[in-house]
Protein backbone atom coordinates (compact mmCIF):
# COMPACT_ATOMS: atom_id res chain seq x y z
CA MET A 1 -26.46 13.51 13.61
CA GLN A 2 -26.49 10.96 10.94
CA PRO A 3 -23.57 8.41 10.74
CA MET A 4 -21.40 9.23 7.73
CA TYR A 5 -20.33 6.39 5.12
CA TYR A 6 -17.12 6.26 3.46
CA ILE A 7 -16.72 4.96 -0.09
CA GLY A 8 -13.37 4.03 -1.66
CA LEU A 9 -13.42 3.88 -5.48
CA ASP A 10 -10.93 2.33 -7.70
CA VAL A 11 -11.49 3.83 -11.28
CA HIS A 12 -10.36 2.11 -14.49
CA LYS A 13 -11.53 2.76 -18.04
CA ARG A 14 -14.38 0.57 -18.22
CA THR A 15 -15.29 -0.51 -14.62
CA ILE A 16 -15.25 1.14 -11.09
CA ARG A 17 -14.61 -1.12 -8.30
CA TYR A 18 -16.44 0.29 -4.90
CA CYS A 19 -16.24 -0.47 -1.25
CA VAL A 20 -18.84 1.29 1.17
CA LYS A 21 -17.84 1.28 4.99
CA ASP A 22 -19.33 2.74 8.13
CA GLY A 23 -17.36 4.91 10.67
CA SER A 24 -16.36 1.69 12.46
CA GLY A 25 -14.86 0.37 9.50
CA ALA A 26 -17.54 -2.40 8.95
CA ILE A 27 -18.21 -3.07 5.12
CA HIS A 28 -21.82 -1.88 4.03
CA SER A 29 -21.28 -3.03 0.52
CA GLU A 30 -18.78 -3.58 -2.11
CA GLY A 31 -18.79 -4.66 -5.73
CA SER A 32 -18.09 -3.42 -9.23
CA LEU A 33 -20.12 -1.50 -11.81
CA PRO A 34 -19.43 0.05 -15.33
CA ALA A 35 -17.90 3.18 -15.85
CA THR A 36 -20.93 5.09 -17.22
CA ARG A 37 -22.89 7.90 -16.12
CA PHE A 38 -26.43 5.78 -16.25
CA ASP A 39 -24.53 2.97 -14.00
CA LEU A 40 -23.33 5.67 -11.70
CA ASP A 41 -26.92 7.30 -11.27
CA HIS A 42 -28.33 3.89 -10.67
CA TRP A 43 -25.56 2.98 -8.01
CA MET A 44 -26.08 6.25 -6.36
CA LYS A 45 -29.68 5.55 -5.50
CA THR A 46 -28.50 2.52 -3.64
CA LEU A 47 -26.20 4.27 -1.46
CA PRO A 48 -26.99 4.99 2.37
CA GLN A 49 -27.01 8.77 3.18
CA PRO A 50 -24.85 10.85 4.26
CA TRP A 51 -21.60 9.49 2.33
CA THR A 52 -18.35 10.79 1.18
CA ALA A 53 -15.98 9.43 -1.49
CA ALA A 54 -12.39 9.31 -2.34
CA MET A 55 -10.70 8.11 -5.63
CA GLU A 56 -7.28 8.02 -7.14
CA ALA A 57 -6.06 10.52 -9.58
CA THR A 58 -6.15 9.05 -13.19
CA MET A 59 -7.17 10.38 -16.65
CA PHE A 60 -10.60 8.98 -16.04
CA THR A 61 -10.96 10.75 -12.88
CA GLY A 62 -12.36 13.95 -13.93
CA TRP A 63 -15.75 13.14 -15.42
CA ILE A 64 -16.47 10.71 -12.75
CA TYR A 65 -15.84 13.42 -10.16
CA ASP A 66 -17.88 15.90 -11.80
CA HIS A 67 -20.69 13.48 -11.99
CA LEU A 68 -20.43 12.68 -8.33
CA LYS A 69 -19.81 15.87 -6.53
CA PRO A 70 -23.39 17.47 -6.25
CA HIS A 71 -24.68 14.17 -4.67
CA ALA A 72 -21.75 13.58 -1.92
CA ALA A 73 -21.30 15.21 1.13
CA ALA A 74 -17.74 15.62 0.25
CA LEU A 75 -15.35 14.09 -2.53
CA LYS A 76 -11.63 13.74 -2.55
CA VAL A 77 -8.97 12.61 -5.11
CA ALA A 78 -5.84 11.02 -3.89
CA HIS A 79 -2.43 11.71 -5.10
CA PRO A 80 -1.17 8.39 -6.65
CA LEU A 81 2.45 8.73 -5.65
CA MET A 82 1.54 9.15 -2.08
CA LEU A 83 -0.66 6.17 -1.60
CA ARG A 84 2.29 4.07 -0.32
CA ALA A 85 -0.26 1.56 1.40
CA ILE A 86 -1.50 0.40 -1.95
CA ALA A 87 1.67 0.43 -3.97
CA ALA A 88 3.67 -1.40 -1.30
CA ALA A 89 1.14 -4.24 -0.62
CA LYS A 90 2.21 -7.97 -1.13
CA LYS A 91 -1.28 -8.73 -2.53
CA LYS A 92 -2.75 -6.08 -4.72
CA ASN A 93 -6.28 -6.00 -6.70
CA ASP A 94 -9.02 -4.03 -7.41
CA ARG A 95 -11.05 -4.99 -4.30
CA ILE A 96 -8.12 -4.41 -2.02
CA ASP A 97 -7.31 -1.12 -3.56
CA ALA A 98 -10.93 0.11 -3.10
CA SER A 99 -10.81 -1.08 0.38
CA LYS A 100 -7.55 0.67 1.29
CA ILE A 101 -8.63 4.05 -0.32
CA CYS A 102 -11.69 3.71 1.85
CA ASP A 103 -9.83 3.11 4.95
CA CYS A 104 -7.42 5.87 4.25
CA LEU A 105 -10.51 8.23 3.72
CA ARG A 106 -12.13 7.02 6.98
CA CYS A 107 -9.03 7.56 9.03
CA ASP A 108 -8.31 10.94 7.40
CA PHE A 109 -4.93 9.57 6.10
CA LEU A 110 -5.79 10.08 2.58
CA PRO A 111 -3.03 12.13 0.61
CA GLU A 112 -5.41 14.49 -1.23
CA CYS A 113 -4.58 16.28 -4.30
CA TYR A 114 -5.61 19.41 -5.74
CA MET A 115 -8.70 19.18 -8.18
CA ALA A 116 -9.18 22.04 -10.49
CA SER A 117 -12.57 23.50 -11.21
CA THR A 118 -14.56 21.90 -14.26
CA ALA A 119 -14.14 25.44 -16.03
CA ILE A 120 -10.65 25.36 -15.60
CA ARG A 121 -10.08 21.69 -16.60
CA GLU A 122 -12.09 22.07 -19.94
CA ARG A 123 -9.85 25.22 -20.83
CA ARG A 124 -6.82 23.26 -19.89
CA ARG A 125 -7.88 20.36 -22.15
CA THR A 126 -8.12 22.99 -24.95
CA LEU A 127 -4.63 24.29 -24.26
CA ARG A 128 -2.94 20.99 -24.07
CA TYR A 129 -4.64 20.11 -27.43
CA ARG A 130 -2.90 23.18 -28.77
CA ASN A 131 0.52 21.92 -27.56
CA LEU A 132 -0.30 18.63 -29.35
CA LEU A 133 -1.01 20.48 -32.57
CA VAL A 134 2.38 22.48 -32.28
CA ARG A 135 4.36 19.37 -31.80
CA GLN A 136 2.74 17.82 -35.07
CA MET A 137 3.59 20.96 -37.03
CA VAL A 138 7.17 20.68 -35.90
CA GLN A 139 7.36 17.03 -37.08
CA MET A 140 5.79 17.86 -40.49
CA LYS A 141 8.32 20.66 -40.73
CA ASN A 142 11.17 18.35 -39.81
CA LYS A 143 9.53 15.84 -42.50
CA ILE A 144 9.84 18.47 -45.05
CA GLY A 145 13.53 18.96 -44.41
CA MET A 146 14.11 15.05 -44.43
CA LEU A 147 12.33 14.64 -47.78
CA LEU A 148 14.76 17.28 -49.25
CA MET A 149 17.87 15.84 -47.99
CA GLU A 150 16.88 12.30 -49.06
CA ALA A 151 16.57 13.53 -52.44
CA GLY A 152 19.75 15.52 -52.30
CA VAL A 153 18.03 18.84 -52.76
CA SER A 154 19.84 21.94 -51.74
CA TYR A 155 17.74 24.61 -49.69
CA ASN A 156 18.01 27.31 -47.22
CA LYS A 157 17.06 26.20 -44.04
CA GLN A 158 15.89 29.46 -42.56
CA LYS A 159 13.75 30.38 -45.43
CA LEU A 160 12.38 26.77 -45.99
CA HIS A 161 8.94 27.21 -44.15
CA LYS A 162 8.16 30.71 -45.61
CA ALA A 163 5.46 30.44 -48.16
CA GLY A 164 7.13 32.32 -50.86
CA TYR A 165 10.38 30.56 -50.62
CA PHE A 166 8.72 27.18 -50.65
CA ARG A 167 6.60 27.78 -53.77
CA GLU A 168 9.58 29.10 -55.65
CA LEU A 169 11.68 25.87 -54.69
CA LEU A 170 9.09 23.49 -55.85
CA ALA A 171 8.56 25.43 -59.12
CA THR A 172 12.21 26.08 -60.08
CA ASN A 173 14.51 23.42 -58.48
CA PRO A 174 14.81 20.53 -61.01
CA ASP A 175 16.07 17.88 -58.57
CA ILE A 176 12.41 17.84 -57.14
CA ASP A 177 10.30 15.14 -59.19
CA GLU A 178 6.62 15.10 -59.26
CA GLY A 179 6.30 12.06 -56.63
CA LEU A 180 8.48 14.39 -54.18
CA ARG A 181 6.69 17.49 -55.11
CA SER A 182 3.41 16.03 -54.29
CA LEU A 183 4.52 14.87 -50.77
CA LEU A 184 6.12 18.18 -50.04
CA ARG A 185 2.86 20.06 -50.80
CA GLN A 186 0.69 17.61 -48.65
CA CYS A 187 3.34 18.46 -45.74
CA ARG A 188 3.17 22.02 -46.27
CA GLU A 189 -0.70 22.06 -46.45
CA THR A 190 -0.70 19.88 -43.31
CA VAL A 191 1.46 22.65 -41.53
CA VAL A 192 -0.60 25.52 -42.65
CA ARG A 193 -3.87 23.80 -41.62
CA LEU A 194 -2.42 22.95 -38.00
CA GLY A 195 -1.18 26.61 -37.73
CA LYS A 196 -4.53 27.95 -38.31
CA THR A 197 -6.24 25.88 -36.01
CA GLU A 198 -3.56 26.29 -33.31
CA SER A 199 -3.94 30.10 -33.70
CA ALA A 200 -7.81 29.90 -33.44
CA LEU A 201 -7.48 27.90 -30.12
CA ILE A 202 -5.07 30.49 -28.61
CA ARG A 203 -7.55 33.33 -29.67
CA SER A 204 -10.54 31.92 -28.09
CA LEU A 205 -8.66 31.33 -24.85
CA GLU A 206 -7.16 34.98 -24.83
CA HIS A 207 -10.63 36.14 -25.18
CA ASP A 208 -12.26 33.92 -22.85
CA ARG A 209 -14.02 35.87 -20.03
CA LEU A 210 -12.74 33.53 -17.19
CA LEU A 211 -8.88 34.18 -18.45
CA ALA A 212 -8.71 37.53 -20.34
CA GLU A 213 -8.15 39.82 -17.35
CA ARG A 214 -5.82 37.44 -15.59
CA VAL A 215 -3.70 36.70 -18.70
CA GLU A 216 -3.50 40.53 -19.19
CA ARG A 217 -2.05 40.99 -15.82
CA LEU A 218 0.36 38.18 -16.41
CA MET A 219 1.60 39.39 -19.65
CA SER A 220 2.66 42.67 -18.04
CA ILE A 221 5.54 40.67 -16.75
CA PRO A 222 8.71 41.24 -19.08
CA ALA A 223 9.29 37.85 -21.30
CA ILE A 224 5.76 36.49 -20.57
CA GLY A 225 3.67 36.22 -23.81
CA PRO A 226 0.14 34.74 -24.27
CA ILE A 227 1.21 31.00 -24.05
CA THR A 228 3.10 31.25 -21.06
CA ALA A 229 0.41 33.38 -19.19
CA LEU A 230 -2.15 31.01 -20.38
CA THR A 231 -0.12 27.89 -19.36
CA TRP A 232 0.41 29.41 -15.80
CA ALA A 233 -3.42 30.20 -15.30
CA LEU A 234 -4.65 26.89 -16.50
CA GLU A 235 -2.21 24.63 -15.05
CA ILE A 236 -1.66 26.16 -11.66
CA GLY A 237 -5.50 26.98 -11.32
CA GLU A 238 -6.04 28.76 -7.96
CA VAL A 239 -2.53 30.57 -7.05
CA GLN A 240 -3.80 30.68 -3.29
CA ARG A 241 -3.06 26.75 -2.98
CA PHE A 242 0.68 27.53 -2.78
CA SER A 243 1.71 28.88 0.41
CA SER A 244 5.24 29.98 -0.88
CA ILE A 245 7.10 30.44 -3.85
CA LYS A 246 9.29 27.79 -3.09
CA LYS A 247 6.24 25.26 -3.43
CA ALA A 248 5.40 26.80 -6.50
CA ILE A 249 8.85 26.40 -7.90
CA SER A 250 8.98 22.57 -6.88
CA TYR A 251 5.44 22.08 -8.54
CA CYS A 252 7.06 23.75 -11.79
CA GLY A 253 9.87 21.31 -11.84
CA LEU A 254 12.59 23.69 -11.60
CA CYS A 255 14.50 22.57 -8.43
CA GLY A 256 15.97 19.22 -7.69
CA ALA A 257 15.00 16.42 -5.17
CA GLU A 258 16.67 16.18 -1.84
CA LYS A 259 17.73 12.76 -0.19
CA SER A 260 18.96 13.32 3.28
CA SER A 261 20.31 10.63 5.94
CA ALA A 262 22.21 11.41 8.94
CA ASN A 263 24.64 13.91 7.96
CA THR A 264 24.43 13.16 4.46
CA VAL A 265 22.69 15.58 2.02
CA GLN A 266 22.40 14.59 -1.70
CA ARG A 267 20.90 16.80 -4.30
CA THR A 268 19.64 15.18 -7.26
CA PRO A 269 18.83 16.37 -10.69
CA LEU A 270 15.63 18.26 -11.48
CA SER A 271 12.64 16.12 -10.12
CA LYS A 272 10.45 14.11 -12.37
CA GLN A 273 7.52 14.92 -9.90
CA ARG A 274 6.36 17.98 -11.63
CA ASN A 275 3.90 19.56 -14.00
CA LYS A 276 5.94 18.83 -17.17
CA HIS A 277 3.67 21.39 -19.16
CA LEU A 278 4.88 24.09 -16.68
CA GLN A 279 8.30 23.21 -16.59
CA THR A 280 8.64 23.11 -20.49
CA THR A 281 6.90 26.55 -21.00
CA LEU A 282 8.85 28.02 -18.22
CA ILE A 283 11.97 27.04 -19.47
CA GLU A 284 11.54 28.07 -22.86
CA ALA A 285 10.27 31.41 -21.48
CA ALA A 286 13.37 31.76 -19.48
CA LYS A 287 15.76 31.30 -22.53
CA MET A 288 14.16 34.35 -24.27
CA ALA A 289 13.83 36.59 -20.89
CA PRO A 290 17.32 38.17 -20.81
CA ARG A 291 16.41 39.90 -24.14
CA TYR A 292 13.43 41.44 -22.68
CA SER A 293 14.36 42.31 -19.24
CA PRO A 294 17.53 44.01 -17.86
CA THR A 295 17.02 42.63 -14.59
CA LEU A 296 16.97 39.15 -15.79
CA ALA A 297 19.49 39.72 -18.10
CA LEU A 298 22.08 40.68 -15.16
CA LEU A 299 20.53 37.53 -13.21
CA TYR A 300 21.53 35.20 -15.99
CA ASP A 301 24.91 36.82 -16.69
CA ARG A 302 25.69 36.27 -12.95
CA GLU A 303 24.67 32.76 -12.76
CA LYS A 304 26.37 32.02 -16.04
CA GLN A 305 29.68 33.37 -14.68
CA LYS A 306 29.71 30.10 -12.31
CA GLY A 307 30.18 28.04 -15.35
CA ASN A 308 26.87 26.49 -16.00
CA ALA A 309 24.10 28.20 -18.80
CA ASN A 310 21.59 25.52 -17.94
CA ARG A 311 21.49 26.74 -14.27
CA ALA A 312 21.46 30.19 -15.19
CA THR A 313 18.39 29.58 -17.36
CA LEU A 314 16.88 27.72 -14.29
CA ALA A 315 17.73 30.69 -12.27
CA VAL A 316 15.77 33.06 -14.60
CA ALA A 317 12.89 30.45 -14.72
CA ARG A 318 12.69 30.44 -10.85
CA LYS A 319 12.60 34.31 -10.94
CA LEU A 320 9.77 34.19 -13.33
CA VAL A 321 7.88 32.09 -11.00
CA ALA A 322 8.33 34.68 -8.41
CA TYR A 323 7.03 37.24 -10.62
CA LEU A 324 4.24 35.20 -11.75
CA MET A 325 3.26 34.49 -8.30
CA SER A 326 3.49 38.11 -7.19
CA VAL A 327 1.12 39.35 -9.86
CA ASP A 328 -1.39 36.63 -9.71
CA ARG A 329 -1.59 36.94 -5.88
CA GLY A 330 -1.66 40.62 -5.53
CA GLN A 331 -4.09 40.88 -8.93
CA CYS A 332 -2.14 43.81 -10.08
CA HIS A 333 0.11 44.51 -13.19
CA PHE A 334 3.79 43.99 -12.81
CA LEU A 335 5.68 47.39 -12.43
CA VAL A 336 9.14 48.13 -13.61
CA LEU A 337 11.07 50.40 -11.20
CA ASP A 338 13.97 52.23 -12.65
CA GLN A 339 17.16 52.53 -10.85
CA GLU A 340 16.56 55.92 -9.35
CA THR A 341 13.54 55.04 -7.83
CA ARG A 342 14.93 51.72 -6.23
CA THR A 343 17.68 53.93 -4.72
CA ALA A 344 15.45 56.60 -3.36
CA ALA A 345 13.22 53.76 -1.77
């Protein structure tokens, strides 16, 4: 068998620092190269064969991972929070970082993180862009209200963003001068344009061949709509990577961290080490879930009686994760059993 060569990559926006070592830890080569596909192709021609590489997860990792993967014997991505050897070092620079990543890979100490497929990551990018559009729409709607309040204009808050009421308000209210009217129209046009773009993105994802069947199954769960289903499918990726529901709940950020020492156990608020997109979406879905599911309504009421509505919402969100895991793993639609069937069973 040919000896394996190990490569540590410290990835940045414009440059990539690399360190190549053999199995014994001796440095074969090290240096820096521009972060471009052309330079990566030229660099790979100089590498000894076979080779395996590792890099830290950053916003620049995706395209580098896709470009190197066909040429590597193995390619791994390290979890940035778990690379304590780099974070705790007294002396830290790009050359040392690349060398330590290489050593972690060579000694099989690399804290590897999950890397979704290229197809999933491309669609995830589209969904996250849709989330940006929604935030911009909310900002524009808030700006319309602020402009009216600054001018002392009275309006119906519930009807403000309806097209008919908005046109009537601009045409009939004498307190709105021409300058303010122009700004309000621009804000309204921006909201409409963003709304159309957001709807088009969601339709394209719902009808995507890779997602359509999976999203349809997930939407069979009460209180799970297209946004929650798409967010789950694209942020989770392969549901089989979670060995238990507890691990999925932790990934979604629906539980607190634990700090234990001797006989002392301290539970902290919701952990910041989570997928924030899933956390936000599931909590919003949990707030609406009791309206659509009697079972979830009973769960919410039971938890709320303990005195905390937020904890009740979290309990519903964790139950939704259990439902989503079950449907996604079993690849079957959600079935609601009535009380008589449950009693008979």
